[in-house]
Protein backbone atom coordinates (compact mmCIF):
# COMPACT_ATOMS: atom_id res chain seq x y z
CA UNK A 1 0.04 -0.11 -0.12
CA UNK A 2 3.04 2.51 0.44
CA UNK A 3 2.63 2.70 -3.37
CA UNK A 4 -1.08 4.04 -2.85
CA UNK A 5 0.61 6.49 -0.68
CA UNK A 6 2.88 8.16 -2.32
CA UNK A 7 0.56 8.20 -5.75
CA UNK A 8 -1.42 10.81 -3.61
CA UNK A 9 0.79 12.70 -2.43
CA UNK A 10 2.85 12.40 -5.97
CA UNK A 11 -0.92 13.74 -7.48
CA UNK A 12 -1.31 16.40 -5.35
CA UNK A 13 2.12 17.86 -6.35
CA UNK A 14 1.86 17.59 -9.25
CA UNK A 15 -1.64 19.28 -9.19
CA UNK A 16 -0.30 22.05 -6.90
CA UNK A 17 2.97 22.64 -9.66
CA UNK A 18 0.63 22.69 -12.18
CA UNK A 19 -0.85 25.41 -10.33
CA UNK A 20 2.14 27.25 -10.37
CA UNK A 21 3.09 26.88 -6.58
CA UNK A 22 6.11 25.56 -5.86
CA UNK A 23 6.60 21.78 -3.90
CA UNK A 24 9.10 19.98 -2.26
CA UNK A 25 8.54 16.88 -0.87
CA UNK A 26 8.15 17.10 3.17
CA UNK A 27 10.93 16.73 5.88
CA UNK A 28 14.04 16.76 2.38
CA UNK A 29 17.40 17.78 4.34
CA UNK A 30 18.61 21.43 3.33
CA UNK A 31 15.35 21.59 1.58
CA UNK A 32 14.44 25.62 2.92
CA UNK A 33 17.55 27.15 1.34
CA UNK A 34 16.68 26.13 -2.35
CA UNK A 35 13.56 28.42 -2.22
CA UNK A 36 13.34 32.37 -2.73
CA UNK A 37 9.32 31.62 -3.08
CA UNK A 38 6.61 30.17 -1.15
CA UNK A 39 6.69 26.19 -1.23
CA UNK A 40 4.49 23.77 -0.40
CA UNK A 41 6.26 20.68 1.55
CA UNK A 42 3.81 17.94 0.67
CA UNK A 43 3.83 14.49 2.96
CA UNK A 44 1.68 11.97 4.55
CA UNK A 45 -0.28 12.42 7.99
CA UNK A 46 -2.01 10.07 8.30
CA UNK A 47 -3.77 7.40 6.46
CA UNK A 48 -6.21 4.49 6.91
CA UNK A 49 -7.79 1.72 4.13
CA UNK A 50 -10.98 1.05 3.97
CA UNK A 51 -11.26 -2.18 1.94
CA UNK A 52 -9.68 -5.32 0.80
CA UNK A 53 -8.68 -5.07 -2.92
CA UNK A 54 -10.02 -8.42 -3.36
CA UNK A 55 -12.99 -8.03 -1.64
CA UNK A 56 -13.79 -4.79 -4.12
CA UNK A 57 -14.58 -6.61 -7.57
CA UNK A 58 -16.26 -3.57 -10.11
CA UNK A 59 -17.21 -5.77 -13.20
CA UNK A 60 -15.33 -6.67 -15.94
CA UNK A 61 -14.29 -4.19 -19.16
CA UNK A 62 -12.03 -4.68 -22.39
CA UNK A 63 -8.56 -3.95 -22.48
CA UNK A 64 -8.10 -1.19 -24.62
CA UNK A 65 -4.73 -2.86 -26.47
CA UNK A 66 -5.40 -6.30 -26.88
CA UNK A 67 -9.72 -5.95 -26.51
CA UNK A 68 -9.20 -9.27 -23.89
CA UNK A 69 -12.08 -9.45 -21.12
CA UNK A 70 -10.11 -8.11 -17.51
CA UNK A 71 -11.68 -7.97 -13.88
CA UNK A 72 -11.70 -4.84 -12.13
CA UNK A 73 -10.92 -4.41 -8.59
CA UNK A 74 -11.33 -1.33 -6.62
CA UNK A 75 -9.76 0.41 -3.46
CA UNK A 76 -10.31 2.97 -1.17
CA UNK A 77 -7.39 4.91 0.97
CA UNK A 78 -8.42 7.43 3.93
CA UNK A 79 -5.80 9.85 4.44
CA UNK A 80 -4.43 13.09 5.55
CA UNK A 81 -1.84 14.69 3.74
CA UNK A 82 0.23 17.45 5.35
CA UNK A 83 0.77 20.62 3.13
CA UNK A 84 2.90 22.99 5.15
CA UNK A 85 3.37 25.95 3.56
CA UNK A 86 6.75 28.07 3.87
CA UNK A 87 7.65 31.86 2.58
CA UNK A 88 10.93 33.41 2.66
CA UNK A 89 11.35 36.28 4.52
CA UNK A 90 10.99 39.03 2.17
CA UNK A 91 7.57 38.17 1.23
CA UNK A 92 6.21 37.90 4.39
CA UNK A 93 2.96 35.97 5.73
CA UNK A 94 1.74 37.77 3.13
CA UNK A 95 3.50 35.23 1.46
CA UNK A 96 1.85 32.17 2.69
CA UNK A 97 -1.62 33.33 2.01
CA UNK A 98 -0.79 33.62 -1.38
CA UNK A 99 0.74 30.33 -1.58
CA UNK A 100 -2.97 29.51 0.64
CA UNK A 101 -5.38 30.52 -2.04
CA UNK A 102 -3.48 29.01 -4.81
CA UNK A 103 -3.39 25.61 -2.75
CA UNK A 104 -7.34 25.59 -1.83
CA UNK A 105 -8.12 26.20 -5.72
CA UNK A 106 -6.67 23.47 -6.52
CA UNK A 107 -7.94 21.50 -3.82
CA UNK A 108 -12.04 21.96 -5.07
CA UNK A 109 -10.78 21.85 -8.76
CA UNK A 110 -7.71 20.49 -9.77
CA UNK A 111 -6.82 16.92 -8.11
CA UNK A 112 -7.41 13.94 -10.21
CA UNK A 113 -10.62 11.79 -10.15
CA UNK A 114 -9.86 9.66 -8.31
CA UNK A 115 -9.61 11.91 -5.13
CA UNK A 116 -12.31 13.18 -3.34
CA UNK A 117 -11.35 15.78 -1.09
CA UNK A 118 -12.90 16.01 2.53
CA UNK A 119 -11.08 18.49 4.48
CA UNK A 120 -8.89 21.18 4.29
CA UNK A 121 -7.20 22.48 7.62
CA UNK A 122 -4.43 25.37 8.48
CA UNK A 123 -3.00 27.30 11.59
CA UNK A 124 -1.61 30.58 11.98
CA UNK A 125 0.99 31.67 10.01
CA UNK A 126 4.20 31.76 11.93
CA UNK A 127 8.07 32.46 12.19
CA UNK A 128 10.11 29.49 11.96
CA UNK A 129 13.44 29.62 13.16
CA UNK A 130 14.99 26.75 12.04
CA UNK A 131 14.45 27.58 8.11
CA UNK A 132 14.06 31.34 8.90
CA UNK A 133 10.93 31.32 7.04
CA UNK A 134 7.38 31.77 7.00
CA UNK A 135 5.45 28.95 8.00
CA UNK A 136 1.59 28.26 7.52
CA UNK A 137 1.25 24.53 8.94
CA UNK A 138 -1.56 22.83 6.95
CA UNK A 139 -3.45 19.49 6.18
CA UNK A 140 -5.81 17.72 3.57
CA UNK A 141 -7.61 14.88 4.03
CA UNK A 142 -9.51 12.76 1.25
CA UNK A 143 -10.15 10.00 0.15
CA UNK A 144 -8.53 8.03 -2.78
CA UNK A 145 -9.46 5.62 -5.36
CA UNK A 146 -7.92 2.86 -7.30
CA UNK A 147 -8.80 0.43 -9.86
CA UNK A 148 -6.42 -2.72 -10.72
CA UNK A 149 -6.82 -5.58 -14.04
CA UNK A 150 -7.11 -8.69 -13.34
CA UNK A 151 -6.58 -11.59 -16.50
CA UNK A 152 -9.85 -13.37 -17.23
CA UNK A 153 -7.60 -16.47 -16.08
CA UNK A 154 -7.24 -14.17 -12.57
CA UNK A 155 -3.82 -15.37 -13.22
CA UNK A 156 -2.37 -11.77 -11.65
CA UNK A 157 -3.40 -8.79 -10.71
CA UNK A 158 -1.73 -5.44 -11.91
CA UNK A 159 -0.76 -2.95 -9.49
CA UNK A 160 -3.67 -0.52 -7.91
CA UNK A 161 -3.42 3.34 -10.05
CA UNK A 162 -5.17 6.06 -8.59
CA UNK A 163 -8.41 6.90 -10.86
CA UNK A 164 -7.82 9.73 -13.01
CA UNK A 165 -4.01 9.20 -13.06
CA UNK A 166 -2.46 8.19 -16.42
CA UNK A 167 0.60 6.51 -15.69
CA UNK A 168 3.34 5.62 -18.30
């Protein structure tokens, strides 16, 4: 399931970047020195699997490439991501507010179809001595829906993929 958590974190980070907000993984060492603009640090705060993958049968479909029948399975994962916004001293706490506006818009309109937002929380901006930046701690709770396919013979089950995300 770790890969599912990574898919959600990566999908949220990609949506924020597409909206023009700088993003970095939470807790990466020395990251703060690289940013002269507000940045959202995205990480996992908590998660809970809501169903067993093999108990969530969704039906059959045809493989678009081979036209072979496949069994479709689904899985739901409820989680909370940390979305802490950091802003350089010269942008002030207003930099956190500006980034929060972008973050809020993305959470309402810019996420893959497999992510259903349930709550976005944030705290007051304050000065963070460790990074020498303003910090507004935040969290984003959502339900993530994944799908996987199996061959008609049920020989193999593909990895669960976050619904609405195109894989390469």
